[in-house]
Every structure is written in C-alpha cells, then in structure tokens.
Amino acid sequence: MRYFTELKTAELSSYATPFYYYDLKLLDDTLDAINDAIDGTNFKVHYAIKANANDEILSRVKAKGLGIDCVSGNEVRKAIDSGFLAKNISFAGVGKTDEEIAYGLDHDIFTFNVESLAELKVIDELAKEKQKVAGIAIRLNPNVNAKTHHYITTGLEENKFGINAWELPELFEMLPTLKKLSLKGIHFHIGSQINDLTVFKSLCNRVNDFQKQFKERGIALDHVNVGGGLGVNYTNPDEESIPDFNSFFQVFKDFLVVEPGQEVHFELGRSVVAQCGSLISKVLYIKEGIKTNFAIIDAGMTELIRPALYQSYHKIENISATSKENSKKYDVVGPICESSDCFGKAISLPETKRGDLIAIRSTGAYGEVMSSFYNLREKAKAFYSES
C-alpha cells in the first residue's frame, strides 16, 4: 500500500469520515503526462467535467491548459465560473434545454456538439433570436462496439447518442438552410473504461469514412473530436497510477486521417482523475455470519454509487491494519437502506475491527460528482495531499 504511507494514514485518521481524498501531486503528474504525449501535435484535450467537478481539481486542470467538455448547462456554467475560456468549452448532450442553449450562446462557447437533426433546428432558431452565430460540431454515431459495460457504451446504433449514418443525406440537405450555424467539426464518443486500444483503431477507420463524405461535399472541418473513453487500472491502481497516454494517442497518430491544418480534439475524464482519488471510510461494525462476514462502513452508495449502479470493481484496502496476518474475507457494505449498498463481496482483508480505516481506491472519477443526499445523508467533504 505505497499510496498510503503511515504518515498519511495518521493524518487521515484525524478527519471525520467518510471523505474523499485527493492526491494532487498524482493529478499534476497525470496532466503533465497528457501534455507530454501530445506535445508537438495538433491534438487538443478537453477535460470531461462530468468525471469530477471539484473546485481544486478544476483549478489544476485549468492551470495545465486543458479545455472543458460539458454535458449540461450547469457544467458550462461551472466551467465559466472556474475561469475556463468560452473558446475552450464544448457542450454535448442529447437533451439540451432551450435555457441551456441560450446560456451557451450568450457566452459564445466554442461548440455545441449537436446530437440530432431536431436539435440543429432548435439551436438555429435560438441563435437567430439572439442575433448570434452558433459554432457547432455534429456528433455522429459510428456504430463501433467499445467492448465495455453496456451501460457505458455510447457509440452503437442502439444507443441514444449522436446522428446515425443513414441520416447523413438529410443532414447535408439541411445544413445550407441553417444560416445561424457555423459548422466547425464532427464529434464521436463510443464509450468509457475502454482498455482494448484496437477499439480506437476501429473508431479511426469510421471517422475517416465520415470525414470523406463531408470532404466529397466540399465541407471543410476545422477539427475532428474523437471523444475519450480510455480506461484505468481498477484492480492494481498503484501499478498503473498514470494510464499509458502515449500508446493511446499513438493509435490516432497512426490511423486517423487528418486534413492539413485540422485539429484533433479529445475528451478525457476518467483517465485524468480516477487514480488520484480515494474514498476513505471507517468501520462501524463487524457482523459475523454463517456464510460471510460483513464489514459495515460509514460510506455508502450515496458517496460512491458505481458498484450499486453497474457492479463496478474498486480495490478496497484496510489502511490502518498494522499486520496482514489473519486475513479474512468480508462483504464490505454501507449503511444505506438498500441491499445494493455493497462495495465488494468476499474481499480479503487483514482481520478488521471497529474503527479501522478503509480506502476504496480509484474513486476520483464518478465518485464525488455522483454523490447524493439519499437517506438525508450529509455531503462528504474532500481533503487533499500535495505529496
């Protein structure tokens, strides 16, 4: 457990649990690895704010020069309030409200990433009312299997996201009639937690096909947005605390056909922040059973919903145990009145007792940002380390 030294554990024991714990040095190192991997290229990375909107996280992301990818009006507002330039903000999402679109228009954001033909008409009408010209990118559904959990797959025709290939003739017919839209690019996103890089090669091939169709119609595109989705190592977070960004970006260098002067945009979220965060909790009770033992902790699905939502795995550690001897298996569960409030079953831990500190790892992405007040729970605080 090199991530949690004895010094850190002693410090953590002074905070009221549960809480989110962020290693800001690791976050900075991760952001530096991204910037090093794209140095000298025409690649631009937007941070997917849906992964974590913590103020300190956003401050570090902004300081390293990344843009922002948003999927709601309030995310756009948060980005602007956090000091991100409007020209670096893209706004995707299948259900943008008129009010959200109006806010983006008022602030002249970089692009609305449009996900349906109907949305094109709405943005054009709202822009006309405001005497604005809206920058747009067309989100296209490439029908590429991301080979990930079906709840976080976004690029198949059965998914709700994007405009399908068979709608392109109507799209090309519509575009010249929409006078208040400025087409800047095309946008793709196929899913999340993707560890098989050949999936991104398949995406490149589909993007090349779509780009060719736009080019054949004399439509020049300033950029191609290929989304994100790079996965992280949930099983052994200390062995791979920073994802292999070089290999990820190399796929696009090798297989994506880029026009002269064209930028390639990415939307990385989980891979930026997942490993820098942990959820720290305290053992309330040990409940022994015939078939299993329960370690009941004071964090619940209100602080980390991913295991309950789609049975995601997070490494669980007893960071206050002084000895690894007498290991036992526990179902690690929370206090919420739901049977799904379980972080892991048959988890091997050193013999665990009331008051021990439990770390649930790799929760920097989709942990704090998805928390809720169910059971009238108070929002867990966040604490930070710089070392």
Protein backbone atom coordinates (compact mmCIF):
# COMPACT_ATOMS: atom_id res chain seq x y z
CA MET A 1 0.00 0.00 0.00
CA ARG A 2 2.65 2.53 -1.02
CA TYR A 3 -0.11 5.03 -1.86
CA PHE A 4 -0.94 5.29 1.85
CA THR A 5 2.15 5.74 3.98
CA GLU A 6 2.00 5.52 7.78
CA LEU A 7 2.28 9.31 7.86
CA LYS A 8 -0.68 9.77 5.54
CA THR A 9 -2.76 7.23 7.43
CA ALA A 10 -2.11 9.02 10.72
CA GLU A 11 -3.19 12.29 9.12
CA LEU A 12 -6.29 10.76 7.56
CA SER A 13 -7.41 9.36 10.91
CA SER A 14 -7.92 12.93 12.16
CA TYR A 15 -10.65 13.67 9.59
CA ALA A 16 -14.32 12.87 10.06
CA THR A 17 -15.33 10.02 7.78
CA PRO A 18 -16.45 9.41 5.15
CA PHE A 19 -14.47 11.76 2.94
CA TYR A 20 -12.88 11.99 -0.49
CA TYR A 21 -9.10 12.11 -0.51
CA TYR A 22 -7.23 13.55 -3.49
CA ASP A 23 -3.53 13.21 -4.26
CA LEU A 24 -2.91 16.47 -6.13
CA LYS A 25 0.70 15.55 -6.93
CA LEU A 26 -0.53 12.49 -8.81
CA LEU A 27 -3.13 14.62 -10.59
CA ASP A 28 -0.44 17.09 -11.69
CA ASP A 29 1.78 14.25 -12.86
CA THR A 30 -1.11 12.78 -14.85
CA LEU A 31 -1.86 16.11 -16.52
CA ASP A 32 1.84 16.52 -17.32
CA ALA A 33 1.88 13.05 -18.90
CA ILE A 34 -1.03 14.05 -21.14
CA ASN A 35 0.65 17.27 -22.21
CA ASP A 36 3.96 15.47 -22.84
CA ALA A 37 2.18 12.88 -25.00
CA ILE A 38 0.53 15.49 -27.24
CA ASP A 39 3.47 17.91 -27.38
CA GLY A 40 4.24 18.92 -30.96
CA THR A 41 0.95 17.57 -32.32
CA ASN A 42 -2.29 19.16 -33.47
CA PHE A 43 -4.08 17.36 -30.60
CA LYS A 44 -6.14 19.30 -28.04
CA VAL A 45 -7.56 17.75 -24.88
CA HIS A 46 -10.80 18.83 -23.23
CA TYR A 47 -11.34 17.56 -19.68
CA ALA A 48 -14.74 15.87 -19.29
CA ILE A 49 -16.03 17.77 -16.28
CA LYS A 50 -18.71 15.14 -15.61
CA ALA A 51 -15.95 12.92 -14.17
CA ASN A 52 -15.24 15.29 -11.28
CA ALA A 53 -16.22 18.94 -10.81
CA ASN A 54 -14.34 19.51 -7.53
CA ASP A 55 -13.01 23.09 -7.43
CA GLU A 56 -9.42 22.11 -6.63
CA ILE A 57 -9.42 19.51 -9.41
CA LEU A 58 -10.69 22.06 -11.93
CA SER A 59 -8.09 24.59 -10.80
CA ARG A 60 -5.30 22.09 -11.56
CA VAL A 61 -6.83 21.14 -14.92
CA LYS A 62 -7.10 24.79 -15.94
CA ALA A 63 -3.54 25.53 -14.86
CA LYS A 64 -2.30 22.76 -17.19
CA GLY A 65 -4.08 24.28 -20.19
CA LEU A 66 -6.82 21.74 -20.91
CA GLY A 67 -10.20 22.76 -22.29
CA ILE A 68 -13.54 21.55 -20.94
CA ASP A 69 -16.13 19.12 -22.26
CA CYS A 70 -19.61 19.66 -20.80
CA VAL A 71 -22.86 17.70 -21.00
CA SER A 72 -25.20 20.07 -19.15
CA GLY A 73 -25.85 23.76 -18.87
CA ASN A 74 -24.71 23.81 -15.26
CA GLU A 75 -21.43 22.18 -16.29
CA VAL A 76 -20.96 25.00 -18.81
CA ARG A 77 -21.73 27.50 -16.05
CA LYS A 78 -19.29 25.76 -13.67
CA ALA A 79 -16.55 25.84 -16.31
CA ILE A 80 -17.02 29.56 -16.92
CA ASP A 81 -17.23 30.32 -13.20
CA SER A 82 -13.99 28.34 -12.75
CA GLY A 83 -12.18 30.57 -15.21
CA PHE A 84 -12.12 28.42 -18.34
CA LEU A 85 -12.29 30.46 -21.55
CA ALA A 86 -15.51 30.08 -23.52
CA LYS A 87 -13.47 29.34 -26.64
CA ASN A 88 -12.25 26.15 -24.94
CA ILE A 89 -15.69 24.86 -23.89
CA SER A 90 -17.65 22.30 -25.89
CA PHE A 91 -21.20 21.34 -24.95
CA ALA A 92 -22.56 17.89 -25.80
CA GLY A 93 -25.65 16.02 -24.57
CA VAL A 94 -28.77 14.61 -26.21
CA GLY A 95 -31.24 16.74 -24.25
CA LYS A 96 -30.04 20.33 -24.14
CA THR A 97 -32.83 22.64 -22.94
CA ASP A 98 -33.59 25.99 -24.56
CA GLU A 99 -32.29 27.73 -21.44
CA GLU A 100 -29.02 25.79 -21.54
CA ILE A 101 -28.53 26.56 -25.22
CA ALA A 102 -29.29 30.24 -24.61
CA TYR A 103 -26.66 30.36 -21.86
CA GLY A 104 -24.07 28.85 -24.17
CA LEU A 105 -24.98 31.32 -26.90
CA ASP A 106 -24.74 34.26 -24.51
CA HIS A 107 -21.20 33.22 -23.61
CA ASP A 108 -20.09 32.34 -27.16
CA ILE A 109 -18.82 28.87 -26.27
CA PHE A 110 -16.64 27.00 -28.75
CA THR A 111 -19.17 24.44 -29.96
CA PHE A 112 -22.50 22.86 -29.34
CA ASN A 113 -21.92 19.21 -30.18
CA VAL A 114 -25.27 18.50 -31.81
CA GLU A 115 -26.80 15.05 -31.35
CA SER A 116 -29.94 15.12 -33.53
CA LEU A 117 -31.38 16.79 -36.60
CA ALA A 118 -34.11 18.29 -34.43
CA GLU A 119 -31.52 19.91 -32.18
CA LEU A 120 -29.88 21.57 -35.19
CA LYS A 121 -33.12 23.40 -35.96
CA VAL A 122 -33.63 24.48 -32.34
CA ILE A 123 -30.12 25.93 -31.97
CA ASP A 124 -30.50 27.75 -35.29
CA GLU A 125 -33.80 29.30 -34.16
CA LEU A 126 -32.45 30.35 -30.76
CA ALA A 127 -29.30 31.81 -32.33
CA LYS A 128 -31.46 33.78 -34.75
CA GLU A 129 -33.45 35.25 -31.86
CA LYS A 130 -30.22 36.39 -30.21
CA GLN A 131 -28.64 37.52 -33.48
CA LYS A 132 -25.78 35.14 -32.84
CA VAL A 133 -23.98 32.53 -34.91
CA ALA A 134 -23.56 29.26 -33.03
CA GLY A 135 -20.45 27.17 -33.52
CA ILE A 136 -21.44 23.53 -33.86
CA ALA A 137 -19.92 20.10 -34.25
CA ILE A 138 -22.05 17.24 -35.50
CA ARG A 139 -21.97 14.23 -33.19
CA LEU A 140 -22.12 11.14 -35.35
CA ASN A 141 -22.84 7.61 -34.20
CA PRO A 142 -20.07 5.41 -35.67
CA ASN A 143 -21.67 2.09 -34.63
CA VAL A 144 -18.41 0.90 -33.05
CA ASN A 145 -18.51 -1.63 -30.21
CA ALA A 146 -16.43 -0.25 -27.33
CA LYS A 147 -16.21 -3.71 -25.69
CA THR A 148 -17.07 -2.28 -22.29
CA HIS A 149 -20.04 -2.45 -19.91
CA HIS A 150 -23.26 -1.92 -21.87
CA TYR A 151 -24.33 0.89 -19.51
CA ILE A 152 -21.29 2.96 -20.54
CA THR A 153 -21.32 2.15 -24.26
CA THR A 154 -22.32 5.18 -26.33
CA GLY A 155 -21.34 4.53 -29.94
CA LEU A 156 -23.73 1.84 -31.14
CA GLU A 157 -26.84 2.48 -33.22
CA GLU A 158 -28.92 1.12 -30.35
CA ASN A 159 -27.63 3.95 -28.10
CA LYS A 160 -29.35 7.31 -27.80
CA PHE A 161 -26.31 9.36 -28.72
CA GLY A 162 -25.49 11.09 -31.99
CA ILE A 163 -26.79 11.24 -35.55
CA ASN A 164 -26.78 7.92 -37.40
CA ALA A 165 -25.09 7.28 -40.75
CA TRP A 166 -28.40 6.78 -42.51
CA GLU A 167 -29.42 10.33 -41.54
CA LEU A 168 -26.48 11.93 -43.38
CA PRO A 169 -28.34 12.69 -46.65
CA GLU A 170 -30.95 14.67 -44.71
CA LEU A 171 -28.21 16.37 -42.68
CA PHE A 172 -26.37 17.51 -45.81
CA GLU A 173 -29.64 18.82 -47.21
CA MET A 174 -30.42 20.75 -44.03
CA LEU A 175 -27.07 22.39 -43.33
CA PRO A 176 -27.21 25.10 -46.05
CA THR A 177 -30.62 26.24 -44.78
CA LEU A 178 -29.43 26.82 -41.20
CA LYS A 179 -27.95 30.30 -41.57
CA LYS A 180 -27.12 30.87 -37.90
CA LEU A 181 -24.97 27.77 -37.51
CA SER A 182 -21.25 27.59 -38.22
CA LEU A 183 -20.10 24.00 -38.73
CA LYS A 184 -16.67 23.60 -37.14
CA GLY A 185 -16.25 19.87 -36.81
CA ILE A 186 -17.57 16.38 -36.29
CA HIS A 187 -17.71 14.61 -32.95
CA PHE A 188 -17.61 10.98 -31.82
CA HIS A 189 -17.70 9.16 -28.49
CA ILE A 190 -18.01 5.39 -28.25
CA GLY A 191 -17.92 4.62 -24.54
CA SER A 192 -15.97 4.62 -21.31
CA GLN A 193 -13.44 2.42 -19.47
CA ILE A 194 -12.00 1.09 -22.75
CA ASN A 195 -8.83 -0.95 -22.26
CA ASP A 196 -8.61 -2.58 -25.69
CA LEU A 197 -6.84 0.02 -27.83
CA THR A 198 -7.84 -1.77 -31.05
CA VAL A 199 -11.30 -0.32 -30.42
CA PHE A 200 -9.86 3.15 -31.07
CA LYS A 201 -8.33 1.90 -34.32
CA SER A 202 -11.83 0.84 -35.40
CA LEU A 203 -13.09 4.28 -34.42
CA CYS A 204 -10.38 5.94 -36.56
CA ASN A 205 -11.47 3.92 -39.57
CA ARG A 206 -15.08 5.02 -39.14
CA VAL A 207 -14.08 8.66 -38.58
CA ASN A 208 -12.07 8.52 -41.81
CA ASP A 209 -15.14 7.24 -43.65
CA PHE A 210 -17.34 10.02 -42.28
CA GLN A 211 -14.73 12.70 -42.99
CA LYS A 212 -14.51 11.54 -46.58
CA GLN A 213 -18.26 12.06 -47.02
CA PHE A 214 -18.03 15.64 -45.75
CA LYS A 215 -15.00 16.33 -47.94
CA GLU A 216 -16.76 14.97 -51.05
CA ARG A 217 -19.46 17.59 -50.49
CA GLY A 218 -16.94 20.39 -50.19
CA ILE A 219 -17.42 20.78 -46.42
CA ALA A 220 -14.17 21.71 -44.68
CA LEU A 221 -13.91 20.85 -40.98
CA ASP A 222 -11.70 22.73 -38.55
CA HIS A 223 -11.49 19.82 -36.16
CA VAL A 224 -12.43 16.22 -35.51
CA ASN A 225 -13.43 15.36 -31.92
CA VAL A 226 -12.83 11.66 -31.25
CA GLY A 227 -14.11 11.71 -27.65
CA GLY A 228 -12.38 9.87 -24.85
CA GLY A 229 -13.02 6.60 -23.05
CA LEU A 230 -9.51 5.47 -22.10
CA GLY A 231 -9.78 3.12 -19.14
CA VAL A 232 -7.83 2.91 -15.89
CA ASN A 233 -6.49 0.03 -13.82
CA TYR A 234 -9.02 -0.50 -11.04
CA THR A 235 -7.50 -3.82 -9.98
CA ASN A 236 -3.95 -2.63 -9.28
CA PRO A 237 -4.06 1.17 -9.11
CA ASP A 238 -0.55 1.51 -7.64
CA GLU A 239 0.97 -0.44 -10.54
CA GLU A 240 -0.59 1.85 -13.13
CA SER A 241 -1.37 5.12 -11.39
CA ILE A 242 -0.98 7.01 -14.69
CA PRO A 243 -2.56 5.48 -17.81
CA ASP A 244 -0.47 4.84 -20.90
CA PHE A 245 -1.35 8.04 -22.74
CA ASN A 246 1.49 7.62 -25.23
CA SER A 247 0.02 4.38 -26.59
CA PHE A 248 -3.49 5.86 -26.61
CA PHE A 249 -2.57 8.93 -28.64
CA GLN A 250 -0.29 6.87 -30.91
CA VAL A 251 -3.32 4.98 -32.23
CA PHE A 252 -4.75 8.24 -33.55
CA LYS A 253 -1.38 9.34 -34.94
CA ASP A 254 -1.15 6.06 -36.84
CA PHE A 255 -4.69 5.54 -38.10
CA LEU A 256 -6.62 8.82 -38.19
CA VAL A 257 -6.50 10.69 -41.50
CA VAL A 258 -6.18 14.37 -40.63
CA GLU A 259 -6.60 17.17 -43.16
CA PRO A 260 -3.96 19.94 -43.37
CA GLY A 261 -4.43 22.46 -40.56
CA GLN A 262 -7.11 20.34 -38.88
CA GLU A 263 -7.07 19.82 -35.11
CA VAL A 264 -7.95 16.58 -33.34
CA HIS A 265 -9.84 17.02 -30.08
CA PHE A 266 -10.15 14.54 -27.22
CA GLU A 267 -12.43 14.36 -24.17
CA LEU A 268 -10.60 12.63 -21.36
CA GLY A 269 -12.24 12.36 -17.96
CA ARG A 270 -11.84 9.12 -16.03
CA SER A 271 -8.23 8.62 -17.14
CA VAL A 272 -7.33 12.11 -15.85
CA VAL A 273 -8.74 11.93 -12.33
CA ALA A 274 -9.75 8.39 -11.32
CA GLN A 275 -6.49 7.29 -9.74
CA CYS A 276 -5.82 10.48 -7.78
CA GLY A 277 -8.90 9.97 -5.61
CA SER A 278 -9.92 7.55 -2.86
CA LEU A 279 -12.98 7.33 -0.66
CA ILE A 280 -11.95 6.96 2.98
CA SER A 281 -14.38 5.38 5.41
CA LYS A 282 -14.44 3.97 8.93
CA VAL A 283 -15.60 0.55 10.02
CA LEU A 284 -18.71 0.86 12.18
CA TYR A 285 -19.39 -2.80 12.90
CA ILE A 286 -18.16 -6.27 12.10
CA LYS A 287 -21.11 -8.58 11.68
CA GLU A 288 -20.27 -12.28 11.59
CA GLY A 289 -22.49 -14.63 9.67
CA ILE A 290 -22.66 -18.31 8.79
CA LYS A 291 -21.65 -17.85 5.15
CA THR A 292 -19.88 -14.49 5.24
CA ASN A 293 -18.65 -11.70 7.47
CA PHE A 294 -19.82 -8.14 6.93
CA ALA A 295 -17.63 -5.08 7.39
CA ILE A 296 -20.18 -2.30 7.76
CA ILE A 297 -18.58 1.05 6.96
CA ASP A 298 -19.86 4.62 7.22
CA ALA A 299 -19.57 5.34 3.46
CA GLY A 300 -22.42 4.21 1.28
CA MET A 301 -23.76 4.29 -2.23
CA THR A 302 -24.50 7.95 -1.51
CA GLU A 303 -20.74 8.59 -1.70
CA LEU A 304 -19.90 6.05 -4.42
CA ILE A 305 -22.76 4.70 -6.50
CA ARG A 306 -20.79 2.92 -9.22
CA PRO A 307 -20.74 -0.56 -7.59
CA ALA A 308 -24.51 -0.43 -6.99
CA LEU A 309 -25.21 1.10 -10.41
CA TYR A 310 -23.27 -1.28 -12.63
CA GLN A 311 -21.35 -3.64 -10.36
CA SER A 312 -18.05 -1.83 -10.87
CA TYR A 313 -14.94 -3.08 -9.12
CA HIS A 314 -12.85 -0.87 -6.83
CA LYS A 315 -9.87 -2.08 -4.86
CA ILE A 316 -10.64 -1.99 -1.12
CA GLU A 317 -7.88 -1.73 1.50
CA ASN A 318 -7.72 -1.64 5.27
CA ILE A 319 -5.12 1.13 5.62
CA SER A 320 -4.98 1.16 9.40
CA ALA A 321 -4.29 -2.55 9.89
CA THR A 322 -0.82 -2.99 11.40
CA SER A 323 -0.46 -6.59 10.25
CA LYS A 324 -1.58 -8.51 7.17
CA GLU A 325 -1.75 -11.76 9.12
CA ASN A 326 -5.04 -13.46 9.95
CA SER A 327 -6.61 -12.39 6.66
CA LYS A 328 -10.36 -12.87 6.43
CA LYS A 329 -12.99 -12.35 3.76
CA TYR A 330 -15.63 -9.69 4.19
CA ASP A 331 -18.56 -8.30 2.31
CA VAL A 332 -17.82 -4.57 2.56
CA VAL A 333 -21.16 -2.79 2.81
CA GLY A 334 -22.53 0.64 3.64
CA PRO A 335 -25.30 1.92 5.93
CA ILE A 336 -27.86 2.80 3.26
CA CYS A 337 -31.27 1.11 3.36
CA GLU A 338 -30.71 -0.76 0.08
CA SER A 339 -29.38 -4.29 -0.41
CA SER A 340 -27.36 -2.98 -3.37
CA ASP A 341 -25.36 -0.78 -0.99
CA CYS A 342 -22.34 -3.06 -1.25
CA PHE A 343 -18.81 -2.15 -2.36
CA GLY A 344 -17.48 -5.67 -2.73
CA LYS A 345 -18.15 -9.27 -1.77
CA ALA A 346 -15.68 -11.74 -0.26
CA ILE A 347 -12.95 -9.10 -0.09
CA SER A 348 -9.78 -10.44 1.52
CA LEU A 349 -8.64 -8.01 4.23
CA PRO A 350 -6.43 -8.25 7.32
CA GLU A 351 -8.57 -9.06 10.33
CA THR A 352 -10.72 -5.95 10.53
CA LYS A 353 -12.24 -4.32 13.58
CA ARG A 354 -14.45 -1.39 14.53
CA GLY A 355 -12.71 1.92 13.91
CA ASP A 356 -10.36 0.72 11.16
CA LEU A 357 -9.91 3.00 8.16
CA ILE A 358 -10.98 1.61 4.80
CA ALA A 359 -9.79 3.09 1.49
CA ILE A 360 -11.85 2.48 -1.63
CA ARG A 361 -9.45 3.25 -4.45
CA SER A 362 -9.73 4.88 -7.89
CA THR A 363 -12.74 7.00 -6.96
CA GLY A 364 -11.50 10.30 -8.37
CA ALA A 365 -13.82 9.81 -11.34
CA TYR A 366 -17.57 9.40 -10.84
CA GLY A 367 -17.31 9.34 -7.06
CA GLU A 368 -17.87 12.75 -5.53
CA VAL A 369 -19.64 14.11 -8.61
CA MET A 370 -22.31 11.37 -8.49
CA SER A 371 -22.93 11.60 -4.74
CA SER A 372 -26.45 12.09 -3.44
CA PHE A 373 -28.40 13.05 -0.32
CA TYR A 374 -30.43 9.83 -0.24
CA ASN A 375 -31.44 8.88 3.32
CA LEU A 376 -30.81 12.59 4.03
CA ARG A 377 -27.10 11.94 4.20
CA GLU A 378 -24.74 14.90 4.53
CA LYS A 379 -22.36 15.53 1.65
CA ALA A 380 -18.92 14.08 2.34
CA LYS A 381 -16.06 16.58 2.47
CA ALA A 382 -12.88 16.47 0.40
CA PHE A 383 -9.30 16.63 1.68
CA TYR A 384 -6.10 16.92 -0.30
CA SER A 385 -2.45 15.89 -0.30
CA GLU A 386 0.35 17.62 -2.21
CA SER A 387 2.93 14.87 -1.71
